[in-house]
Amino acid sequence: MLGYYTLSAYNVHLAELTEAIARKLPRYPLLPATLLGRLAIDTSCRGQNLGRFLLMDALHRSWKNTSEVASVGVVVEALDESARAFYLHHEFQSLANHPDKLFLAMATIQKAFRAR
C-alpha cells in the first residue's frame, strides 16, 4: 500500500472557526463537518506528490458527498509541524485554541472543483 486516508462525520464548534468563516455559516453552536483522518503515504513515496493527490481525492469526495451528508468543511489534525505546514499550504486554517486542528471550508473546496 502506498498511501491511504479515512473520512468520517465530525462536528466543529462555531466558536473555533475564524470570524471570516463563521459569519458565512449558520449560527448553530455545533456544525456538521467531515474529518479527514490518517492521511499517510509510504516513506518510499515521499516527494512524488502522492500526499497532494490523496488530499485532493479526499476533498473531492467530501465535496461530492455534501449533497447527501451535510458538511460545512473538512477538519484535519496535524500530527507534526511538517503535516501542519502541508495543510496550511493547501489553504487550511487553524482552529482557535487548537493550532494542530485545521479547517477548510466546503465553499473553498467547491470553488476549487467547480473551476475545473
PDB file of N, CA and C in Angstrom:
ATOM      1  N   MET A   1       0.850  -1.166   0.000  1.00  0.00           N
ATOM      2  CA  MET A   1       0.000   0.000   0.000  1.00  0.00           C
ATOM      3  C   MET A   1       0.901   1.236   0.000  1.00  0.00           C
ATOM      4  N   LEU A   2       0.593   2.174  -0.872  1.00  0.00           N
ATOM      5  CA  LEU A   2       1.395   3.384  -0.998  1.00  0.00           C
ATOM      6  C   LEU A   2       0.881   4.530  -0.138  1.00  0.00           C
ATOM      7  N   GLY A   3      -0.422   4.561   0.115  1.00  0.00           N
ATOM      8  CA  GLY A   3      -0.996   5.615   0.934  1.00  0.00           C
ATOM      9  C   GLY A   3      -2.465   5.364   1.193  1.00  0.00           C
ATOM     10  N   TYR A   4      -3.018   6.105   2.135  1.00  0.00           N
ATOM     11  CA  TYR A   4      -4.432   5.935   2.474  1.00  0.00           C
ATOM     12  C   TYR A   4      -4.924   7.148   3.258  1.00  0.00           C
ATOM     13  N   TYR A   5      -6.242   7.243   3.412  1.00  0.00           N
ATOM     14  CA  TYR A   5      -6.864   8.228   4.294  1.00  0.00           C
ATOM     15  C   TYR A   5      -8.221   7.690   4.707  1.00  0.00           C
ATOM     16  N   THR A   6      -8.812   8.316   5.729  1.00  0.00           N
ATOM     17  CA  THR A   6     -10.167   7.973   6.144  1.00  0.00           C
ATOM     18  C   THR A   6     -10.998   9.249   6.180  1.00  0.00           C
ATOM     19  N   LEU A   7     -12.280   9.110   5.925  1.00  0.00           N
ATOM     20  CA  LEU A   7     -13.237  10.201   6.054  1.00  0.00           C
ATOM     21  C   LEU A   7     -14.337   9.760   6.996  1.00  0.00           C
ATOM     22  N   SER A   8     -14.751  10.642   7.884  1.00  0.00           N
ATOM     23  CA  SER A   8     -15.849  10.314   8.795  1.00  0.00           C
ATOM     24  C   SER A   8     -16.596  11.586   9.176  1.00  0.00           C
ATOM     25  N   ALA A   9     -17.788  11.389   9.728  1.00  0.00           N
ATOM     26  CA  ALA A   9     -18.593  12.525  10.175  1.00  0.00           C
ATOM     27  C   ALA A   9     -17.959  13.131  11.417  1.00  0.00           C
ATOM     28  N   TYR A  10     -18.119  14.434  11.555  1.00  0.00           N
ATOM     29  CA  TYR A  10     -17.483  15.171  12.644  1.00  0.00           C
ATOM     30  C   TYR A  10     -18.319  16.409  12.940  1.00  0.00           C
ATOM     31  N   ASN A  11     -18.131  16.996  14.090  1.00  0.00           N
ATOM     32  CA  ASN A  11     -18.755  18.271  14.423  1.00  0.00           C
ATOM     33  C   ASN A  11     -17.673  19.271  14.761  1.00  0.00           C
ATOM     34  N   VAL A  12     -17.851  20.490  14.311  1.00  0.00           N
ATOM     35  CA  VAL A  12     -16.920  21.566  14.638  1.00  0.00           C
ATOM     36  C   VAL A  12     -17.706  22.644  15.377  1.00  0.00           C
ATOM     37  N   HIS A  13     -17.096  23.209  16.419  1.00  0.00           N
ATOM     38  CA  HIS A  13     -17.724  24.287  17.174  1.00  0.00           C
ATOM     39  C   HIS A  13     -17.596  25.586  16.389  1.00  0.00           C
ATOM     40  N   LEU A  14     -18.698  26.278  16.232  1.00  0.00           N
ATOM     41  CA  LEU A  14     -18.699  27.544  15.502  1.00  0.00           C
ATOM     42  C   LEU A  14     -17.668  28.507  16.089  1.00  0.00           C
ATOM     43  N   ALA A  15     -17.527  28.513  17.395  1.00  0.00           N
ATOM     44  CA  ALA A  15     -16.602  29.430  18.071  1.00  0.00           C
ATOM     45  C   ALA A  15     -15.138  29.135  17.749  1.00  0.00           C
ATOM     46  N   GLU A  16     -14.836  27.950  17.238  1.00  0.00           N
ATOM     47  CA  GLU A  16     -13.457  27.600  16.899  1.00  0.00           C
ATOM     48  C   GLU A  16     -13.028  28.114  15.527  1.00  0.00           C
ATOM     49  N   LEU A  17     -13.984  28.514  14.720  1.00  0.00           N
ATOM     50  CA  LEU A  17     -13.686  28.969  13.364  1.00  0.00           C
ATOM     51  C   LEU A  17     -13.325  30.449  13.360  1.00  0.00           C
ATOM     52  N   THR A  18     -12.572  30.858  12.355  1.00  0.00           N
ATOM     53  CA  THR A  18     -12.249  32.280  12.238  1.00  0.00           C
ATOM     54  C   THR A  18     -13.540  33.051  11.972  1.00  0.00           C
ATOM     55  N   GLU A  19     -13.543  34.314  12.328  1.00  0.00           N
ATOM     56  CA  GLU A  19     -14.725  35.152  12.131  1.00  0.00           C
ATOM     57  C   GLU A  19     -15.114  35.221  10.655  1.00  0.00           C
ATOM     58  N   ALA A  20     -14.130  35.275   9.782  1.00  0.00           N
ATOM     59  CA  ALA A  20     -14.411  35.353   8.344  1.00  0.00           C
ATOM     60  C   ALA A  20     -15.190  34.132   7.860  1.00  0.00           C
ATOM     61  N   ILE A  21     -14.867  32.973   8.383  1.00  0.00           N
ATOM     62  CA  ILE A  21     -15.581  31.748   8.001  1.00  0.00           C
ATOM     63  C   ILE A  21     -16.905  31.648   8.750  1.00  0.00           C
ATOM     64  N   ALA A  22     -16.884  31.899  10.043  1.00  0.00           N
ATOM     65  CA  ALA A  22     -18.069  31.724  10.890  1.00  0.00           C
ATOM     66  C   ALA A  22     -19.238  32.590  10.448  1.00  0.00           C
ATOM     67  N   ARG A  23     -18.964  33.817   9.990  1.00  0.00           N
ATOM     68  CA  ARG A  23     -20.073  34.714   9.621  1.00  0.00           C
ATOM     69  C   ARG A  23     -20.830  34.235   8.391  1.00  0.00           C
ATOM     70  N   LYS A  24     -20.248  33.318   7.623  1.00  0.00           N
ATOM     71  CA  LYS A  24     -20.902  32.794   6.425  1.00  0.00           C
ATOM     72  C   LYS A  24     -21.688  31.514   6.705  1.00  0.00           C
ATOM     73  N   LEU A  25     -21.646  31.039   7.960  1.00  0.00           N
ATOM     74  CA  LEU A  25     -22.267  29.760   8.310  1.00  0.00           C
ATOM     75  C   LEU A  25     -23.466  29.961   9.225  1.00  0.00           C
ATOM     76  N   PRO A  26     -24.330  28.964   9.324  1.00  0.00           N
ATOM     77  CA  PRO A  26     -25.455  29.048  10.261  1.00  0.00           C
ATOM     78  C   PRO A  26     -24.950  29.251  11.686  1.00  0.00           C
ATOM     79  N   ARG A  27     -25.737  29.878  12.510  1.00  0.00           N
ATOM     80  CA  ARG A  27     -25.337  30.222  13.873  1.00  0.00           C
ATOM     81  C   ARG A  27     -25.656  29.118  14.890  1.00  0.00           C
ATOM     82  N   TYR A  28     -25.387  27.900  14.542  1.00  0.00           N
ATOM     83  CA  TYR A  28     -25.554  26.795  15.478  1.00  0.00           C
ATOM     84  C   TYR A  28     -24.236  26.594  16.222  1.00  0.00           C
ATOM     85  N   PRO A  29     -24.282  26.196  17.500  1.00  0.00           N
ATOM     86  CA  PRO A  29     -23.025  26.011  18.240  1.00  0.00           C
ATOM     87  C   PRO A  29     -22.159  24.882  17.673  1.00  0.00           C
ATOM     88  N   LEU A  30     -22.780  23.831  17.193  1.00  0.00           N
ATOM     89  CA  LEU A  30     -22.064  22.716  16.554  1.00  0.00           C
ATOM     90  C   LEU A  30     -22.505  22.609  15.107  1.00  0.00           C
ATOM     91  N   LEU A  31     -21.534  22.470  14.226  1.00  0.00           N
ATOM     92  CA  LEU A  31     -21.827  22.365  12.801  1.00  0.00           C
ATOM     93  C   LEU A  31     -21.275  21.051  12.254  1.00  0.00           C
ATOM     94  N   PRO A  32     -22.000  20.426  11.327  1.00  0.00           N
ATOM     95  CA  PRO A  32     -21.508  19.174  10.748  1.00  0.00           C
ATOM     96  C   PRO A  32     -20.303  19.421   9.848  1.00  0.00           C
ATOM     97  N   ALA A  33     -19.337  18.560   9.963  1.00  0.00           N
ATOM     98  CA  ALA A  33     -18.123  18.660   9.153  1.00  0.00           C
ATOM     99  C   ALA A  33     -17.671  17.256   8.783  1.00  0.00           C
ATOM    100  N   THR A  34     -16.635  17.187   7.985  1.00  0.00           N
ATOM    101  CA  THR A  34     -16.026  15.914   7.603  1.00  0.00           C
ATOM    102  C   THR A  34     -14.631  15.871   8.210  1.00  0.00           C
ATOM    103  N   LEU A  35     -14.323  14.792   8.873  1.00  0.00           N
ATOM    104  CA  LEU A  35     -12.996  14.607   9.455  1.00  0.00           C
ATOM    105  C   LEU A  35     -12.146  13.797   8.488  1.00  0.00           C
ATOM    106  N   LEU A  36     -11.048  14.388   8.072  1.00  0.00           N
ATOM    107  CA  LEU A  36     -10.065  13.684   7.250  1.00  0.00           C
ATOM    108  C   LEU A  36      -9.029  13.130   8.214  1.00  0.00           C
ATOM    109  N   GLY A  37      -9.045  11.832   8.381  1.00  0.00           N
ATOM    110  CA  GLY A  37      -8.139  11.217   9.347  1.00  0.00           C
ATOM    111  C   GLY A  37      -7.123  10.323   8.678  1.00  0.00           C
ATOM    112  N   ARG A  38      -6.025  10.208   9.313  1.00  0.00           N
ATOM    113  CA  ARG A  38      -4.995   9.252   8.941  1.00  0.00           C
ATOM    114  C   ARG A  38      -4.485   9.360   7.515  1.00  0.00           C
ATOM    115  N   LEU A  39      -4.420  10.547   6.974  1.00  0.00           N
ATOM    116  CA  LEU A  39      -3.813  10.711   5.646  1.00  0.00           C
ATOM    117  C   LEU A  39      -2.337  10.377   5.782  1.00  0.00           C
ATOM    118  N   ALA A  40      -1.892   9.358   5.080  1.00  0.00           N
ATOM    119  CA  ALA A  40      -0.495   8.937   5.194  1.00  0.00           C
ATOM    120  C   ALA A  40      -0.035   8.322   3.883  1.00  0.00           C
ATOM    121  N   ILE A  41       1.254   8.478   3.626  1.00  0.00           N
ATOM    122  CA  ILE A  41       1.868   7.825   2.471  1.00  0.00           C
ATOM    123  C   ILE A  41       3.096   7.072   2.931  1.00  0.00           C
ATOM    124  N   ASP A  42       3.443   6.068   2.196  1.00  0.00           N
ATOM    125  CA  ASP A  42       4.642   5.295   2.489  1.00  0.00           C
ATOM    126  C   ASP A  42       5.868   6.183   2.319  1.00  0.00           C
ATOM    127  N   THR A  43       6.842   6.028   3.190  1.00  0.00           N
ATOM    128  CA  THR A  43       8.042   6.868   3.119  1.00  0.00           C
ATOM    129  C   THR A  43       8.768   6.725   1.783  1.00  0.00           C
ATOM    130  N   SER A  44       8.620   5.591   1.131  1.00  0.00           N
ATOM    131  CA  SER A  44       9.276   5.404  -0.166  1.00  0.00           C
ATOM    132  C   SER A  44       8.661   6.279  -1.259  1.00  0.00           C
ATOM    133  N   CYS A  45       7.487   6.866  -0.990  1.00  0.00           N
ATOM    134  CA  CYS A  45       6.783   7.680  -1.986  1.00  0.00           C
ATOM    135  C   CYS A  45       6.906   9.172  -1.730  1.00  0.00           C
ATOM    136  N   ARG A  46       7.679   9.572  -0.750  1.00  0.00           N
ATOM    137  CA  ARG A  46       7.828  10.990  -0.438  1.00  0.00           C
ATOM    138  C   ARG A  46       8.402  11.735  -1.642  1.00  0.00           C
ATOM    139  N   GLY A  47       7.910  12.957  -1.834  1.00  0.00           N
ATOM    140  CA  GLY A  47       8.407  13.784  -2.918  1.00  0.00           C
ATOM    141  C   GLY A  47       7.791  13.492  -4.269  1.00  0.00           C
ATOM    142  N   GLN A  48       6.784  12.630  -4.317  1.00  0.00           N
ATOM    143  CA  GLN A  48       6.153  12.267  -5.587  1.00  0.00           C
ATOM    144  C   GLN A  48       4.734  12.824  -5.712  1.00  0.00           C
ATOM    145  N   ASN A  49       4.349  13.728  -4.820  1.00  0.00           N
ATOM    146  CA  ASN A  49       3.025  14.363  -4.807  1.00  0.00           C
ATOM    147  C   ASN A  49       1.879  13.414  -4.506  1.00  0.00           C
ATOM    148  N   LEU A  50       2.167  12.241  -3.959  1.00  0.00           N
ATOM    149  CA  LEU A  50       1.086  11.313  -3.604  1.00  0.00           C
ATOM    150  C   LEU A  50       0.235  11.884  -2.467  1.00  0.00           C
ATOM    151  N   GLY A  51       0.860  12.559  -1.504  1.00  0.00           N
ATOM    152  CA  GLY A  51       0.107  13.186  -0.420  1.00  0.00           C
ATOM    153  C   GLY A  51      -0.872  14.210  -0.946  1.00  0.00           C
ATOM    154  N   ARG A  52      -0.429  15.027  -1.885  1.00  0.00           N
ATOM    155  CA  ARG A  52      -1.307  16.029  -2.501  1.00  0.00           C
ATOM    156  C   ARG A  52      -2.435  15.344  -3.268  1.00  0.00           C
ATOM    157  N   PHE A  53      -2.113  14.296  -4.006  1.00  0.00           N
ATOM    158  CA  PHE A  53      -3.132  13.564  -4.755  1.00  0.00           C
ATOM    159  C   PHE A  53      -4.185  12.995  -3.809  1.00  0.00           C
ATOM    160  N   LEU A  54      -3.753  12.363  -2.711  1.00  0.00           N
ATOM    161  CA  LEU A  54      -4.700  11.792  -1.754  1.00  0.00           C
ATOM    162  C   LEU A  54      -5.544  12.881  -1.097  1.00  0.00           C
ATOM    163  N   LEU A  55      -4.923  14.021  -0.770  1.00  0.00           N
ATOM    164  CA  LEU A  55      -5.675  15.130  -0.188  1.00  0.00           C
ATOM    165  C   LEU A  55      -6.743  15.612  -1.159  1.00  0.00           C
ATOM    166  N   MET A  56      -6.391  15.817  -2.414  1.00  0.00           N
ATOM    167  CA  MET A  56      -7.363  16.286  -3.410  1.00  0.00           C
ATOM    168  C   MET A  56      -8.487  15.268  -3.592  1.00  0.00           C
ATOM    169  N   ASP A  57      -8.159  13.988  -3.576  1.00  0.00           N
ATOM    170  CA  ASP A  57      -9.184  12.949  -3.690  1.00  0.00           C
ATOM    171  C   ASP A  57     -10.129  13.005  -2.492  1.00  0.00           C
ATOM    172  N   ALA A  58      -9.574  13.147  -1.306  1.00  0.00           N
ATOM    173  CA  ALA A  58     -10.394  13.221  -0.092  1.00  0.00           C
ATOM    174  C   ALA A  58     -11.288  14.453  -0.114  1.00  0.00           C
ATOM    175  N   LEU A  59     -10.749  15.596  -0.522  1.00  0.00           N
ATOM    176  CA  LEU A  59     -11.543  16.818  -0.585  1.00  0.00           C
ATOM    177  C   LEU A  59     -12.643  16.703  -1.639  1.00  0.00           C
ATOM    178  N   HIS A  60     -12.329  16.101  -2.772  1.00  0.00           N
ATOM    179  CA  HIS A  60     -13.336  15.921  -3.824  1.00  0.00           C
ATOM    180  C   HIS A  60     -14.464  15.005  -3.335  1.00  0.00           C
ATOM    181  N   ARG A  61     -14.116  13.923  -2.699  1.00  0.00           N
ATOM    182  CA  ARG A  61     -15.145  13.012  -2.170  1.00  0.00           C
ATOM    183  C   ARG A  61     -15.985  13.707  -1.101  1.00  0.00           C
ATOM    184  N   SER A  62     -15.348  14.488  -0.245  1.00  0.00           N
ATOM    185  CA  SER A  62     -16.077  15.219   0.798  1.00  0.00           C
ATOM    186  C   SER A  62     -17.068  16.192   0.174  1.00  0.00           C
ATOM    187  N   TRP A  63     -16.611  16.918  -0.831  1.00  0.00           N
ATOM    188  CA  TRP A  63     -17.467  17.883  -1.510  1.00  0.00           C
ATOM    189  C   TRP A  63     -18.649  17.185  -2.194  1.00  0.00           C
ATOM    190  N   LYS A  64     -18.386  16.104  -2.926  1.00  0.00           N
ATOM    191  CA  LYS A  64     -19.454  15.391  -3.627  1.00  0.00           C
ATOM    192  C   LYS A  64     -20.487  14.836  -2.656  1.00  0.00           C
ATOM    193  N   ASN A  65     -20.060  14.433  -1.467  1.00  0.00           N
ATOM    194  CA  ASN A  65     -20.979  13.821  -0.500  1.00  0.00           C
ATOM    195  C   ASN A  65     -21.833  14.831   0.244  1.00  0.00           C
ATOM    196  N   THR A  66     -21.550  16.138   0.116  1.00  0.00           N
ATOM    197  CA  THR A  66     -22.347  17.123   0.845  1.00  0.00           C
ATOM    198  C   THR A  66     -23.784  17.184   0.352  1.00  0.00           C
ATOM    199  N   SER A  67     -24.054  16.661  -0.831  1.00  0.00           N
ATOM    200  CA  SER A  67     -25.438  16.633  -1.307  1.00  0.00           C
ATOM    201  C   SER A  67     -26.266  15.619  -0.526  1.00  0.00           C
ATOM    202  N   GLU A  68     -25.604  14.679   0.139  1.00  0.00           N
ATOM    203  CA  GLU A  68     -26.312  13.663   0.919  1.00  0.00           C
ATOM    204  C   GLU A  68     -26.049  13.757   2.412  1.00  0.00           C
ATOM    205  N   VAL A  69     -24.861  14.190   2.784  1.00  0.00           N
ATOM    206  CA  VAL A  69     -24.500  14.320   4.193  1.00  0.00           C
ATOM    207  C   VAL A  69     -23.949  15.728   4.389  1.00  0.00           C
ATOM    208  N   ALA A  70     -24.655  16.544   5.154  1.00  0.00           N
ATOM    209  CA  ALA A  70     -24.258  17.937   5.343  1.00  0.00           C
ATOM    210  C   ALA A  70     -22.853  18.043   5.923  1.00  0.00           C
ATOM    211  N   SER A  71     -22.108  19.024   5.439  1.00  0.00           N
ATOM    212  CA  SER A  71     -20.758  19.275   5.930  1.00  0.00           C
ATOM    213  C   SER A  71     -20.368  20.699   5.565  1.00  0.00           C
ATOM    214  N   VAL A  72     -19.950  21.468   6.570  1.00  0.00           N
ATOM    215  CA  VAL A  72     -19.542  22.848   6.302  1.00  0.00           C
ATOM    216  C   VAL A  72     -18.076  22.945   5.910  1.00  0.00           C
ATOM    217  N   GLY A  73     -17.344  21.839   6.071  1.00  0.00           N
ATOM    218  CA  GLY A  73     -15.937  21.851   5.717  1.00  0.00           C
ATOM    219  C   GLY A  73     -15.236  20.579   6.153  1.00  0.00           C
ATOM    220  N   VAL A  74     -13.936  20.563   5.970  1.00  0.00           N
ATOM    221  CA  VAL A  74     -13.110  19.405   6.305  1.00  0.00           C
ATOM    222  C   VAL A  74     -12.160  19.801   7.429  1.00  0.00           C
ATOM    223  N   VAL A  75     -12.063  18.940   8.436  1.00  0.00           N
ATOM    224  CA  VAL A  75     -11.176  19.143   9.572  1.00  0.00           C
ATOM    225  C   VAL A  75     -10.083  18.086   9.532  1.00  0.00           C
ATOM    226  N   VAL A  76      -8.858  18.500   9.826  1.00  0.00           N
ATOM    227  CA  VAL A  76      -7.734  17.568   9.940  1.00  0.00           C
ATOM    228  C   VAL A  76      -6.997  17.887  11.236  1.00  0.00           C
ATOM    229  N   GLU A  77      -6.282  16.914  11.742  1.00  0.00           N
ATOM    230  CA  GLU A  77      -5.415  17.142  12.890  1.00  0.00           C
ATOM    231  C   GLU A  77      -3.995  16.777  12.479  1.00  0.00           C
ATOM    232  N   ALA A  78      -3.152  17.782  12.440  1.00  0.00           N
ATOM    233  CA  ALA A  78      -1.764  17.577  12.023  1.00  0.00           C
ATOM    234  C   ALA A  78      -0.984  16.919  13.155  1.00  0.00           C
ATOM    235  N   LEU A  79      -0.271  15.852  12.826  1.00  0.00           N
ATOM    236  CA  LEU A  79       0.489  15.118  13.833  1.00  0.00           C
ATOM    237  C   LEU A  79       1.825  15.772  14.159  1.00  0.00           C
ATOM    238  N   ASP A  80       2.345  16.573  13.235  1.00  0.00           N
ATOM    239  CA  ASP A  80       3.622  17.245  13.484  1.00  0.00           C
ATOM    240  C   ASP A  80       3.675  18.527  12.653  1.00  0.00           C
ATOM    241  N   GLU A  81       4.752  19.278  12.805  1.00  0.00           N
ATOM    242  CA  GLU A  81       4.874  20.557  12.115  1.00  0.00           C
ATOM    243  C   GLU A  81       4.923  20.397  10.597  1.00  0.00           C
ATOM    244  N   SER A  82       5.517  19.325  10.126  1.00  0.00           N
ATOM    245  CA  SER A  82       5.577  19.074   8.686  1.00  0.00           C
ATOM    246  C   SER A  82       4.170  18.874   8.118  1.00  0.00           C
ATOM    247  N   ALA A  83       3.354  18.096   8.812  1.00  0.00           N
ATOM    248  CA  ALA A  83       1.971  17.874   8.373  1.00  0.00           C
ATOM    249  C   ALA A  83       1.172  19.172   8.447  1.00  0.00           C
ATOM    250  N   ARG A  84       1.390  19.940   9.503  1.00  0.00           N
ATOM    251  CA  ARG A  84       0.695  21.218   9.650  1.00  0.00           C
ATOM    252  C   ARG A  84       1.049  22.154   8.484  1.00  0.00           C
ATOM    253  N   ALA A  85       2.311  22.223   8.132  1.00  0.00           N
ATOM    254  CA  ALA A  85       2.744  23.061   7.011  1.00  0.00           C
ATOM    255  C   ALA A  85       2.107  22.597   5.700  1.00  0.00           C
ATOM    256  N   PHE A  86       1.979  21.277   5.529  1.00  0.00           N
ATOM    257  CA  PHE A  86       1.349  20.710   4.331  1.00  0.00           C
ATOM    258  C   PHE A  86      -0.094  21.216   4.207  1.00  0.00           C
ATOM    259  N   TYR A  87      -0.849  21.134   5.303  1.00  0.00           N
ATOM    260  CA  TYR A  87      -2.251  21.561   5.264  1.00  0.00           C
ATOM    261  C   TYR A  87      -2.372  23.077   5.113  1.00  0.00           C
ATOM    262  N   LEU A  88      -1.523  23.826   5.794  1.00  0.00           N
ATOM    263  CA  LEU A  88      -1.553  25.283   5.644  1.00  0.00           C
ATOM    264  C   LEU A  88      -1.266  25.679   4.201  1.00  0.00           C
ATOM    265  N   HIS A  89      -0.355  24.975   3.555  1.00  0.00           N
ATOM    266  CA  HIS A  89      -0.038  25.229   2.144  1.00  0.00           C
ATOM    267  C   HIS A  89      -1.258  25.015   1.258  1.00  0.00           C
ATOM    268  N   HIS A  90      -2.146  24.113   1.678  1.00  0.00           N
ATOM    269  CA  HIS A  90      -3.349  23.811   0.898  1.00  0.00           C
ATOM    270  C   HIS A  90      -4.577  24.566   1.419  1.00  0.00           C
ATOM    271  N   GLU A  91      -4.341  25.718   2.039  1.00  0.00           N
ATOM    272  CA  GLU A  91      -5.367  26.680   2.434  1.00  0.00           C
ATOM    273  C   GLU A  91      -6.179  26.320   3.669  1.00  0.00           C
ATOM    274  N   PHE A  92      -5.803  25.308   4.415  1.00  0.00           N
ATOM    275  CA  PHE A  92      -6.471  25.036   5.687  1.00  0.00           C
ATOM    276  C   PHE A  92      -6.109  26.148   6.659  1.00  0.00           C
ATOM    277  N   GLN A  93      -6.984  26.374   7.640  1.00  0.00           N
ATOM    278  CA  GLN A  93      -6.745  27.375   8.676  1.00  0.00           C
ATOM    279  C   GLN A  93      -6.850  26.711  10.041  1.00  0.00           C
ATOM    280  N   SER A  94      -5.997  27.129  10.961  1.00  0.00           N
ATOM    281  CA  SER A  94      -6.020  26.564  12.313  1.00  0.00           C
ATOM    282  C   SER A  94      -7.308  26.939  13.029  1.00  0.00           C
ATOM    283  N   LEU A  95      -7.823  26.015  13.831  1.00  0.00           N
ATOM    284  CA  LEU A  95      -8.970  26.305  14.677  1.00  0.00           C
ATOM    285  C   LEU A  95      -8.490  27.058  15.913  1.00  0.00           C
ATOM    286  N   ALA A  96      -9.333  27.936  16.429  1.00  0.00           N
ATOM    287  CA  ALA A  96      -8.998  28.680  17.640  1.00  0.00           C
ATOM    288  C   ALA A  96      -8.727  27.703  18.777  1.00  0.00           C
ATOM    289  N   ASN A  97      -7.702  27.957  19.537  1.00  0.00           N
ATOM    290  CA  ASN A  97      -7.311  27.164  20.709  1.00  0.00           C
ATOM    291  C   ASN A  97      -6.817  25.763  20.377  1.00  0.00           C
ATOM    292  N   HIS A  98      -6.731  25.412  19.099  1.00  0.00           N
ATOM    293  CA  HIS A  98      -6.244  24.096  18.673  1.00  0.00           C
ATOM    294  C   HIS A  98      -5.382  24.277  17.421  1.00  0.00           C
ATOM    295  N   PRO A  99      -4.154  24.739  17.562  1.00  0.00           N
ATOM    296  CA  PRO A  99      -3.349  25.044  16.371  1.00  0.00           C
ATOM    297  C   PRO A  99      -3.045  23.840  15.482  1.00  0.00           C
ATOM    298  N   ASP A 100      -3.140  22.624  16.021  1.00  0.00           N
ATOM    299  CA  ASP A 100      -2.884  21.442  15.196  1.00  0.00           C
ATOM    300  C   ASP A 100      -4.138  20.894  14.536  1.00  0.00           C
ATOM    301  N   LYS A 101      -5.309  21.452  14.868  1.00  0.00           N
ATOM    302  CA  LYS A 101      -6.541  21.113  14.159  1.00  0.00           C
ATOM    303  C   LYS A 101      -6.783  22.208  13.150  1.00  0.00           C
ATOM    304  N   LEU A 102      -6.989  21.787  11.912  1.00  0.00           N
ATOM    305  CA  LEU A 102      -7.141  22.753  10.831  1.00  0.00           C
ATOM    306  C   LEU A 102      -8.446  22.520  10.088  1.00  0.00           C
ATOM    307  N   PHE A 103      -8.946  23.572   9.451  1.00  0.00           N
ATOM    308  CA  PHE A 103     -10.257  23.554   8.812  1.00  0.00           C
ATOM    309  C   PHE A 103     -10.163  24.165   7.423  1.00  0.00           C
ATOM    310  N   LEU A 104     -10.876  23.544   6.484  1.00  0.00           N
ATOM    311  CA  LEU A 104     -11.031  24.092   5.141  1.00  0.00           C
ATOM    312  C   LEU A 104     -12.520  24.120   4.825  1.00  0.00           C
ATOM    313  N   ALA A 105     -13.052  25.312   4.568  1.00  0.00           N
ATOM    314  CA  ALA A 105     -14.480  25.482   4.317  1.00  0.00           C
ATOM    315  C   ALA A 105     -14.912  24.760   3.046  1.00  0.00           C
ATOM    316  N   MET A 106     -16.090  24.188   3.082  1.00  0.00           N
ATOM    317  CA  MET A 106     -16.627  23.490   1.918  1.00  0.00           C
ATOM    318  C   MET A 106     -16.809  24.454   0.751  1.00  0.00           C
ATOM    319  N   ALA A 107     -17.097  25.716   1.030  1.00  0.00           N
ATOM    320  CA  ALA A 107     -17.231  26.704  -0.051  1.00  0.00           C
ATOM    321  C   ALA A 107     -15.920  26.857  -0.808  1.00  0.00           C
ATOM    322  N   THR A 108     -14.803  26.809  -0.103  1.00  0.00           N
ATOM    323  CA  THR A 108     -13.489  26.897  -0.743  1.00  0.00           C
ATOM    324  C   THR A 108     -13.226  25.656  -1.588  1.00  0.00           C
ATOM    325  N   ILE A 109     -13.576  24.504  -1.051  1.00  0.00           N
ATOM    326  CA  ILE A 109     -13.403  23.237  -1.775  1.00  0.00           C
ATOM    327  C   ILE A 109     -14.269  23.232  -3.030  1.00  0.00           C
ATOM    328  N   GLN A 110     -15.506  23.684  -2.885  1.00  0.00           N
ATOM    329  CA  GLN A 110     -16.426  23.728  -4.024  1.00  0.00           C
ATOM    330  C   GLN A 110     -15.875  24.625  -5.128  1.00  0.00           C
ATOM    331  N   LYS A 111     -15.350  25.784  -4.776  1.00  0.00           N
ATOM    332  CA  LYS A 111     -14.781  26.682  -5.784  1.00  0.00           C
ATOM    333  C   LYS A 111     -13.651  26.005  -6.545  1.00  0.00           C
ATOM    334  N   ALA A 112     -12.825  25.274  -5.838  1.00  0.00           N
ATOM    335  CA  ALA A 112     -11.688  24.605  -6.473  1.00  0.00           C
ATOM    336  C   ALA A 112     -12.134  23.567  -7.488  1.00  0.00           C
ATOM    337  N   PHE A 113     -13.162  22.801  -7.166  1.00  0.00           N
ATOM    338  CA  PHE A 113     -13.585  21.735  -8.077  1.00  0.00           C
ATOM    339  C   PHE A 113     -14.567  22.210  -9.132  1.00  0.00           C
ATOM    340  N   ARG A 114     -15.292  23.254  -8.881  1.00  0.00           N
ATOM    341  CA  ARG A 114     -16.190  23.791  -9.908  1.00  0.00           C
ATOM    342  C   ARG A 114     -15.411  24.516 -10.987  1.00  0.00           C
ATOM    343  N   ALA A 115     -14.230  25.010 -10.619  1.00  0.00           N
ATOM    344  CA  ALA A 115     -13.399  25.737 -11.586  1.00  0.00           C
ATOM    345  C   ALA A 115     -12.764  24.809 -12.610  1.00  0.00           C
ATOM    346  N   ARG A 116     -12.756  23.538 -12.334  1.00  0.00           N
ATOM    347  CA  ARG A 116     -12.091  22.568 -13.239  1.00  0.00           C
ATOM    348  C   ARG A 116     -13.018  22.091 -14.312  1.00  0.00           C
TER     349      ARG A 116
END
